[in-house]
Amino acid sequence: MAVGTAFGSIARFYDVWYSTPLGKYVWEVESAAIDSTLPNCIEGIAVDLGAGSGMSMELLIQRGAYTVGVDLSWRMIAVAREKLYTNPRAEFVLADGECLPFREGIADLVSGITVLEFVPNPLLMLEGIHKTLRSCGKLVLGILSSTSIWGMERRIRTFARKDIFAYARFLTPWEVTSLLHRASFAALGYRGSVYAPTFTPTRFLPILARLEECWGKRWLSRSLGAFLVFHAKRVQQRSG
């Protein structure tokens, strides 16, 4: 698929941006938002969809999960494997998020960090996740929101030049909530993060990072974050 090839082309330098001041700030607040939705201890199997370079996998492994990273790009998997090759709790699968190769009820938790917006049929992927999760299993989704300054900038960039975001369809929090309900998930809530605009001077980033938790939980401001983290629980589908 084109999106897998596109991510493969940037795999070797994907993590470089996260070493910049803005990139460090972004991952600091994004990972804190993801962490806030995870159980203190994950005893079973976690599946990380769109695992990329393995950054989100590390968060799950730290909570004790045997983590299976799934990605469409074998180049991305190669980068993540190099990073986690000594960790016995990490495994990798080359697969399409819309066609998961797992038996039903295998996972205690499924995470998908910035993956839903890159699949042609988000509902189909969520329905596959529902089958993969055990009864009352948990889903954590990280979304690049369309209701933020970053979202507007990304949409403009897709017209100005062809980059990875040309393959994305940015979602609103209300669209994500609707998709979760349609796929038989009980949406437990969401929080926002990444409120600093891309042009924020470096010296102000630590100050903004300290305000993230407050802004991310407030009803009036959470949807304005560039990165939204949803958590939901699998519920039994109605028969008939």
C-alpha atoms as a PDB file:
ATOM      1  CA  MET A   1       0.000   0.000   0.000  1.00  0.00           C
ATOM      2  CA  ALA A   2       1.076   3.564  -0.679  1.00  0.00           C
ATOM      3  CA  VAL A   3       0.941   4.630   2.959  1.00  0.00           C
ATOM      4  CA  GLY A   4       3.213   1.738   3.986  1.00  0.00           C
ATOM      5  CA  THR A   5       5.732   2.725   1.324  1.00  0.00           C
ATOM      6  CA  ALA A   6       5.555   6.360   2.440  1.00  0.00           C
ATOM      7  CA  PHE A   7       6.283   5.494   6.058  1.00  0.00           C
ATOM      8  CA  GLY A   8       9.007   3.095   4.969  1.00  0.00           C
ATOM      9  CA  SER A   9      10.770   5.925   3.125  1.00  0.00           C
ATOM     10  CA  ILE A  10      11.136   7.919   6.366  1.00  0.00           C
ATOM     11  CA  ALA A  11      11.738   5.007   8.750  1.00  0.00           C
ATOM     12  CA  ARG A  12      15.468   5.545   9.265  1.00  0.00           C
ATOM     13  CA  PHE A  13      15.098   9.173  10.304  1.00  0.00           C
ATOM     14  CA  TYR A  14      11.606   9.033  11.826  1.00  0.00           C
ATOM     15  CA  ASP A  15      12.934   9.475  15.388  1.00  0.00           C
ATOM     16  CA  VAL A  16      15.280  12.354  14.487  1.00  0.00           C
ATOM     17  CA  TRP A  17      12.571  14.995  14.839  1.00  0.00           C
ATOM     18  CA  TYR A  18      11.878  13.812  18.384  1.00  0.00           C
ATOM     19  CA  SER A  19      15.425  14.832  19.364  1.00  0.00           C
ATOM     20  CA  THR A  20      14.662  18.489  18.540  1.00  0.00           C
ATOM     21  CA  PRO A  21      13.322  20.810  21.310  1.00  0.00           C
ATOM     22  CA  LEU A  22       9.819  20.803  19.817  1.00  0.00           C
ATOM     23  CA  GLY A  23       9.924  17.055  19.210  1.00  0.00           C
ATOM     24  CA  LYS A  24      11.024  16.383  22.802  1.00  0.00           C
ATOM     25  CA  TYR A  25       8.177  18.508  24.115  1.00  0.00           C
ATOM     26  CA  VAL A  26       5.660  16.725  21.872  1.00  0.00           C
ATOM     27  CA  TRP A  27       6.685  13.229  22.952  1.00  0.00           C
ATOM     28  CA  GLU A  28       6.876  14.258  26.614  1.00  0.00           C
ATOM     29  CA  VAL A  29       3.269  15.434  26.680  1.00  0.00           C
ATOM     30  CA  GLU A  30       1.940  12.782  24.283  1.00  0.00           C
ATOM     31  CA  SER A  31       3.477   9.921  26.246  1.00  0.00           C
ATOM     32  CA  ALA A  32       2.145  11.414  29.498  1.00  0.00           C
ATOM     33  CA  ALA A  33      -1.346  11.513  27.989  1.00  0.00           C
ATOM     34  CA  ILE A  34      -1.054   7.898  26.800  1.00  0.00           C
ATOM     35  CA  ASP A  35       0.319   6.778  30.169  1.00  0.00           C
ATOM     36  CA  SER A  36      -2.623   8.347  31.980  1.00  0.00           C
ATOM     37  CA  THR A  37      -5.013   5.947  30.201  1.00  0.00           C
ATOM     38  CA  LEU A  38      -3.017   2.740  30.723  1.00  0.00           C
ATOM     39  CA  PRO A  39      -3.582   0.286  33.584  1.00  0.00           C
ATOM     40  CA  ASN A  40      -0.838   0.289  36.221  1.00  0.00           C
ATOM     41  CA  CYS A  41      -0.015  -3.286  35.277  1.00  0.00           C
ATOM     42  CA  ILE A  42      -0.820  -5.102  32.038  1.00  0.00           C
ATOM     43  CA  GLU A  43      -0.412  -8.807  32.785  1.00  0.00           C
ATOM     44  CA  GLY A  44      -1.435 -10.235  29.432  1.00  0.00           C
ATOM     45  CA  ILE A  45      -0.890  -9.432  25.763  1.00  0.00           C
ATOM     46  CA  ALA A  46      -0.985  -5.926  24.333  1.00  0.00           C
ATOM     47  CA  VAL A  47      -1.175  -5.268  20.597  1.00  0.00           C
ATOM     48  CA  ASP A  48       0.232  -1.955  19.363  1.00  0.00           C
ATOM     49  CA  LEU A  49      -1.153  -1.062  15.930  1.00  0.00           C
ATOM     50  CA  GLY A  50       0.935   1.252  13.773  1.00  0.00           C
ATOM     51  CA  ALA A  51       3.870   0.553  16.068  1.00  0.00           C
ATOM     52  CA  GLY A  52       6.254   2.505  13.840  1.00  0.00           C
ATOM     53  CA  SER A  53       9.681   2.905  15.395  1.00  0.00           C
ATOM     54  CA  GLY A  54       8.563   1.304  18.666  1.00  0.00           C
ATOM     55  CA  MET A  55       8.119   4.403  20.835  1.00  0.00           C
ATOM     56  CA  SER A  56       4.588   3.525  21.949  1.00  0.00           C
ATOM     57  CA  MET A  57       5.541  -0.131  22.393  1.00  0.00           C
ATOM     58  CA  GLU A  58       8.019   0.884  25.061  1.00  0.00           C
ATOM     59  CA  LEU A  59       5.226   2.454  27.129  1.00  0.00           C
ATOM     60  CA  LEU A  60       3.285  -0.824  27.094  1.00  0.00           C
ATOM     61  CA  ILE A  61       6.325  -2.937  27.904  1.00  0.00           C
ATOM     62  CA  GLN A  62       7.070  -0.705  30.885  1.00  0.00           C
ATOM     63  CA  ARG A  63       3.641  -1.653  32.262  1.00  0.00           C
ATOM     64  CA  GLY A  64       4.525  -5.340  32.050  1.00  0.00           C
ATOM     65  CA  ALA A  65       2.735  -6.279  28.824  1.00  0.00           C
ATOM     66  CA  TYR A  66       3.978  -8.816  26.332  1.00  0.00           C
ATOM     67  CA  THR A  67       3.641  -6.444  23.403  1.00  0.00           C
ATOM     68  CA  VAL A  68       3.095  -7.282  19.741  1.00  0.00           C
ATOM     69  CA  GLY A  69       3.924  -4.384  17.448  1.00  0.00           C
ATOM     70  CA  VAL A  70       1.959  -4.369  14.189  1.00  0.00           C
ATOM     71  CA  ASP A  71       2.907  -2.206  11.246  1.00  0.00           C
ATOM     72  CA  LEU A  72       2.336  -2.040   7.507  1.00  0.00           C
ATOM     73  CA  SER A  73       5.958  -1.070   6.807  1.00  0.00           C
ATOM     74  CA  TRP A  74       8.690  -3.673   7.171  1.00  0.00           C
ATOM     75  CA  ARG A  75      11.235  -0.837   7.274  1.00  0.00           C
ATOM     76  CA  MET A  76       9.521   0.639  10.331  1.00  0.00           C
ATOM     77  CA  ILE A  77       9.443  -2.787  11.952  1.00  0.00           C
ATOM     78  CA  ALA A  78      13.172  -3.152  11.280  1.00  0.00           C
ATOM     79  CA  VAL A  79      13.862   0.121  13.132  1.00  0.00           C
ATOM     80  CA  ALA A  80      11.679  -0.915  16.083  1.00  0.00           C
ATOM     81  CA  ARG A  81      13.262  -4.367  16.184  1.00  0.00           C
ATOM     82  CA  GLU A  82      16.749  -2.849  16.397  1.00  0.00           C
ATOM     83  CA  LYS A  83      15.593  -0.693  19.296  1.00  0.00           C
ATOM     84  CA  LEU A  84      13.914  -3.523  21.232  1.00  0.00           C
ATOM     85  CA  TYR A  85      15.836  -6.603  20.067  1.00  0.00           C
ATOM     86  CA  THR A  86      17.076  -7.482  23.585  1.00  0.00           C
ATOM     87  CA  ASN A  87      13.625  -7.209  25.149  1.00  0.00           C
ATOM     88  CA  PRO A  88      11.881 -10.580  25.545  1.00  0.00           C
ATOM     89  CA  ARG A  89       8.495  -8.845  25.838  1.00  0.00           C
ATOM     90  CA  ALA A  90       8.567  -7.435  22.296  1.00  0.00           C
ATOM     91  CA  GLU A  91       7.381  -9.171  19.136  1.00  0.00           C
ATOM     92  CA  PHE A  92       6.528  -7.840  15.682  1.00  0.00           C
ATOM     93  CA  VAL A  93       4.014  -8.629  12.953  1.00  0.00           C
ATOM     94  CA  LEU A  94       3.881  -7.195   9.441  1.00  0.00           C
ATOM     95  CA  ALA A  95       0.153  -6.714   8.809  1.00  0.00           C
ATOM     96  CA  ASP A  96      -2.607  -4.375   7.706  1.00  0.00           C
ATOM     97  CA  GLY A  97      -4.552  -2.789  10.578  1.00  0.00           C
ATOM     98  CA  GLU A  98      -7.794  -3.461   8.704  1.00  0.00           C
ATOM     99  CA  CYS A  99      -7.084  -7.200   8.553  1.00  0.00           C
ATOM    100  CA  LEU A 100      -5.537  -8.292  11.837  1.00  0.00           C
ATOM    101  CA  PRO A 101      -4.054 -11.828  11.826  1.00  0.00           C
ATOM    102  CA  PHE A 102      -4.941 -12.718  15.431  1.00  0.00           C
ATOM    103  CA  ARG A 103      -7.426 -15.146  16.910  1.00  0.00           C
ATOM    104  CA  GLU A 104     -10.427 -13.674  18.676  1.00  0.00           C
ATOM    105  CA  GLY A 105     -10.037 -12.540  22.281  1.00  0.00           C
ATOM    106  CA  ILE A 106      -6.244 -12.809  22.363  1.00  0.00           C
ATOM    107  CA  ALA A 107      -5.415  -9.329  23.661  1.00  0.00           C
ATOM    108  CA  ASP A 108      -6.008  -7.632  27.000  1.00  0.00           C
ATOM    109  CA  LEU A 109      -5.254  -4.224  25.495  1.00  0.00           C
ATOM    110  CA  VAL A 110      -4.934  -2.784  22.008  1.00  0.00           C
ATOM    111  CA  SER A 111      -3.359   0.587  21.327  1.00  0.00           C
ATOM    112  CA  GLY A 112      -3.332   2.527  18.101  1.00  0.00           C
ATOM    113  CA  ILE A 113      -1.247   5.691  18.214  1.00  0.00           C
ATOM    114  CA  THR A 114      -1.744   7.920  15.158  1.00  0.00           C
ATOM    115  CA  VAL A 115      -2.944   5.031  13.010  1.00  0.00           C
ATOM    116  CA  LEU A 116      -6.728   5.474  12.704  1.00  0.00           C
ATOM    117  CA  GLU A 117      -6.344   8.525  10.469  1.00  0.00           C
ATOM    118  CA  PHE A 118      -4.130   6.618   8.015  1.00  0.00           C
ATOM    119  CA  VAL A 119      -6.435   3.665   7.274  1.00  0.00           C
ATOM    120  CA  PRO A 120      -9.014   3.838   4.447  1.00  0.00           C
ATOM    121  CA  ASN A 121     -11.784   2.372   6.611  1.00  0.00           C
ATOM    122  CA  PRO A 122     -11.413   3.288  10.323  1.00  0.00           C
ATOM    123  CA  LEU A 123     -14.624   1.478  11.282  1.00  0.00           C
ATOM    124  CA  LEU A 124     -13.381  -1.770   9.744  1.00  0.00           C
ATOM    125  CA  MET A 125     -10.172  -1.497  11.783  1.00  0.00           C
ATOM    126  CA  LEU A 126     -12.093  -0.841  15.006  1.00  0.00           C
ATOM    127  CA  GLU A 127     -14.330  -3.842  14.361  1.00  0.00           C
ATOM    128  CA  GLY A 128     -11.201  -5.983  13.917  1.00  0.00           C
ATOM    129  CA  ILE A 129      -9.812  -4.629  17.183  1.00  0.00           C
ATOM    130  CA  HIS A 130     -13.084  -5.525  18.902  1.00  0.00           C
ATOM    131  CA  LYS A 131     -12.647  -9.150  17.821  1.00  0.00           C
ATOM    132  CA  THR A 132      -9.000  -9.185  18.922  1.00  0.00           C
ATOM    133  CA  LEU A 133      -9.781  -7.979  22.448  1.00  0.00           C
ATOM    134  CA  ARG A 134     -10.989 -10.231  25.225  1.00  0.00           C
ATOM    135  CA  SER A 135     -14.269  -9.428  26.983  1.00  0.00           C
ATOM    136  CA  CYS A 136     -13.952  -6.003  28.661  1.00  0.00           C
ATOM    137  CA  GLY A 137     -10.522  -5.538  27.088  1.00  0.00           C
ATOM    138  CA  LYS A 138      -9.271  -1.975  26.734  1.00  0.00           C
ATOM    139  CA  LEU A 139      -8.575   0.156  23.678  1.00  0.00           C
ATOM    140  CA  VAL A 140      -6.312   3.226  23.690  1.00  0.00           C
ATOM    141  CA  LEU A 141      -6.302   5.467  20.614  1.00  0.00           C
ATOM    142  CA  GLY A 142      -4.020   8.418  19.939  1.00  0.00           C
ATOM    143  CA  ILE A 143      -5.473  10.764  17.317  1.00  0.00           C
ATOM    144  CA  LEU A 144      -4.073  13.729  15.400  1.00  0.00           C
ATOM    145  CA  SER A 145      -7.020  16.049  15.841  1.00  0.00           C
ATOM    146  CA  SER A 146      -8.477  18.202  13.095  1.00  0.00           C
ATOM    147  CA  THR A 147      -9.734  20.728  15.678  1.00  0.00           C
ATOM    148  CA  SER A 148      -6.283  22.143  16.524  1.00  0.00           C
ATOM    149  CA  ILE A 149      -3.787  24.638  15.103  1.00  0.00           C
ATOM    150  CA  TRP A 150      -1.506  21.727  14.197  1.00  0.00           C
ATOM    151  CA  GLY A 151      -4.380  20.049  12.351  1.00  0.00           C
ATOM    152  CA  MET A 152      -4.998  23.143  10.269  1.00  0.00           C
ATOM    153  CA  GLU A 153      -1.288  23.474   9.479  1.00  0.00           C
ATOM    154  CA  ARG A 154      -1.066  19.831   8.417  1.00  0.00           C
ATOM    155  CA  ARG A 155      -4.005  20.189   6.060  1.00  0.00           C
ATOM    156  CA  ILE A 156      -2.391  23.240   4.466  1.00  0.00           C
ATOM    157  CA  ARG A 157       0.903  21.372   4.073  1.00  0.00           C
ATOM    158  CA  THR A 158      -0.762  18.595   2.110  1.00  0.00           C
ATOM    159  CA  PHE A 159      -1.634  21.159  -0.564  1.00  0.00           C
ATOM    160  CA  ALA A 160       1.767  22.835  -0.516  1.00  0.00           C
ATOM    161  CA  ARG A 161       3.869  19.667  -0.682  1.00  0.00           C
ATOM    162  CA  LYS A 162       3.372  15.921  -0.607  1.00  0.00           C
ATOM    163  CA  ASP A 163       4.465  14.578   2.756  1.00  0.00           C
ATOM    164  CA  ILE A 164       3.258  11.776   5.027  1.00  0.00           C
ATOM    165  CA  PHE A 165       0.159  13.739   6.048  1.00  0.00           C
ATOM    166  CA  ALA A 166      -1.105  13.654   2.479  1.00  0.00           C
ATOM    167  CA  TYR A 167      -2.251  10.105   3.327  1.00  0.00           C
ATOM    168  CA  ALA A 168      -4.127  11.131   6.488  1.00  0.00           C
ATOM    169  CA  ARG A 169      -7.736  12.025   7.129  1.00  0.00           C
ATOM    170  CA  PHE A 170      -7.762  14.046  10.332  1.00  0.00           C
ATOM    171  CA  LEU A 171     -10.705  13.310  12.584  1.00  0.00           C
ATOM    172  CA  THR A 172     -12.659  15.357  15.088  1.00  0.00           C
ATOM    173  CA  PRO A 173     -13.164  14.004  18.615  1.00  0.00           C
ATOM    174  CA  TRP A 174     -16.870  13.620  17.863  1.00  0.00           C
ATOM    175  CA  GLU A 175     -16.160  11.500  14.780  1.00  0.00           C
ATOM    176  CA  VAL A 176     -13.903   9.219  16.817  1.00  0.00           C
ATOM    177  CA  THR A 177     -16.512   8.846  19.569  1.00  0.00           C
ATOM    178  CA  SER A 178     -19.140   7.942  16.960  1.00  0.00           C
ATOM    179  CA  LEU A 179     -16.847   5.357  15.360  1.00  0.00           C
ATOM    180  CA  LEU A 180     -16.160   3.754  18.743  1.00  0.00           C
ATOM    181  CA  HIS A 181     -19.872   3.376  19.477  1.00  0.00           C
ATOM    182  CA  ARG A 182     -20.555   1.938  16.022  1.00  0.00           C
ATOM    183  CA  ALA A 183     -17.817  -0.659  16.611  1.00  0.00           C
ATOM    184  CA  SER A 184     -19.395  -1.697  19.955  1.00  0.00           C
ATOM    185  CA  PHE A 185     -16.976   0.075  22.270  1.00  0.00           C
ATOM    186  CA  ALA A 186     -17.977   1.955  25.386  1.00  0.00           C
ATOM    187  CA  ALA A 187     -16.062   5.225  25.106  1.00  0.00           C
ATOM    188  CA  LEU A 188     -14.650   6.052  28.547  1.00  0.00           C
ATOM    189  CA  GLY A 189     -13.437   9.534  27.620  1.00  0.00           C
ATOM    190  CA  TYR A 190     -10.539  11.388  26.090  1.00  0.00           C
ATOM    191  CA  ARG A 191      -7.968  14.022  26.948  1.00  0.00           C
ATOM    192  CA  GLY A 192      -5.965  16.457  24.891  1.00  0.00           C
ATOM    193  CA  SER A 193      -2.275  17.282  24.660  1.00  0.00           C
ATOM    194  CA  VAL A 194       0.181  19.292  22.532  1.00  0.00           C
ATOM    195  CA  TYR A 195      -1.114  22.833  22.885  1.00  0.00           C
ATOM    196  CA  ALA A 196       2.061  24.690  21.896  1.00  0.00           C
ATOM    197  CA  PRO A 197       1.909  25.902  18.275  1.00  0.00           C
ATOM    198  CA  THR A 198       4.731  24.787  15.990  1.00  0.00           C
ATOM    199  CA  PHE A 199       6.205  28.305  16.056  1.00  0.00           C
ATOM    200  CA  THR A 200       6.504  28.441  19.880  1.00  0.00           C
ATOM    201  CA  PRO A 201       9.954  29.705  21.019  1.00  0.00           C
ATOM    202  CA  THR A 202      11.977  26.918  22.631  1.00  0.00           C
ATOM    203  CA  ARG A 203      12.268  28.710  25.982  1.00  0.00           C
ATOM    204  CA  PHE A 204       8.473  28.608  26.445  1.00  0.00           C
ATOM    205  CA  LEU A 205       8.029  24.873  25.799  1.00  0.00           C
ATOM    206  CA  PRO A 206       8.795  23.716  29.401  1.00  0.00           C
ATOM    207  CA  ILE A 207       6.252  26.230  30.730  1.00  0.00           C
ATOM    208  CA  LEU A 208       3.568  25.001  28.348  1.00  0.00           C
ATOM    209  CA  ALA A 209       4.399  21.373  29.154  1.00  0.00           C
ATOM    210  CA  ARG A 210       3.562  22.033  32.814  1.00  0.00           C
ATOM    211  CA  LEU A 211       0.120  23.341  31.816  1.00  0.00           C
ATOM    212  CA  GLU A 212      -0.716  20.364  29.603  1.00  0.00           C
ATOM    213  CA  GLU A 213      -2.407  18.162  32.197  1.00  0.00           C
ATOM    214  CA  CYS A 214      -4.770  20.929  33.286  1.00  0.00           C
ATOM    215  CA  TRP A 215      -5.721  21.956  29.748  1.00  0.00           C
ATOM    216  CA  GLY A 216      -5.973  18.373  28.519  1.00  0.00           C
ATOM    217  CA  LYS A 217      -8.632  17.425  31.060  1.00  0.00           C
ATOM    218  CA  ARG A 218     -10.824  20.512  30.840  1.00  0.00           C
ATOM    219  CA  TRP A 219     -14.012  20.110  28.826  1.00  0.00           C
ATOM    220  CA  LEU A 220     -13.598  23.460  27.047  1.00  0.00           C
ATOM    221  CA  SER A 221      -9.947  23.036  26.049  1.00  0.00           C
ATOM    222  CA  ARG A 222      -9.270  19.324  25.632  1.00  0.00           C
ATOM    223  CA  SER A 223     -10.561  19.132  22.036  1.00  0.00           C
ATOM    224  CA  LEU A 224      -8.145  21.920  21.007  1.00  0.00           C
ATOM    225  CA  GLY A 225      -5.110  19.735  21.642  1.00  0.00           C
ATOM    226  CA  ALA A 226      -3.205  18.549  18.573  1.00  0.00           C
ATOM    227  CA  PHE A 227      -3.025  15.017  19.995  1.00  0.00           C
ATOM    228  CA  LEU A 228      -6.048  13.392  21.633  1.00  0.00           C
ATOM    229  CA  VAL A 229      -5.986  10.132  23.582  1.00  0.00           C
ATOM    230  CA  PHE A 230      -9.210   8.116  23.772  1.00  0.00           C
ATOM    231  CA  HIS A 231      -9.756   5.119  25.986  1.00  0.00           C
ATOM    232  CA  ALA A 232     -12.608   2.704  25.566  1.00  0.00           C
ATOM    233  CA  LYS A 233     -13.775  -0.711  26.716  1.00  0.00           C
ATOM    234  CA  ARG A 234     -14.948  -3.620  24.604  1.00  0.00           C
ATOM    235  CA  VAL A 235     -18.585  -4.427  25.080  1.00  0.00           C
ATOM    236  CA  GLN A 236     -20.447  -7.441  23.797  1.00  0.00           C
ATOM    237  CA  GLN A 237     -22.054  -6.918  20.399  1.00  0.00           C
ATOM    238  CA  ARG A 238     -25.807  -7.347  20.326  1.00  0.00           C
ATOM    239  CA  SER A 239     -26.987 -10.401  18.450  1.00  0.00           C
ATOM    240  CA  GLY A 240     -29.521 -10.027  15.701  1.00  0.00           C
END
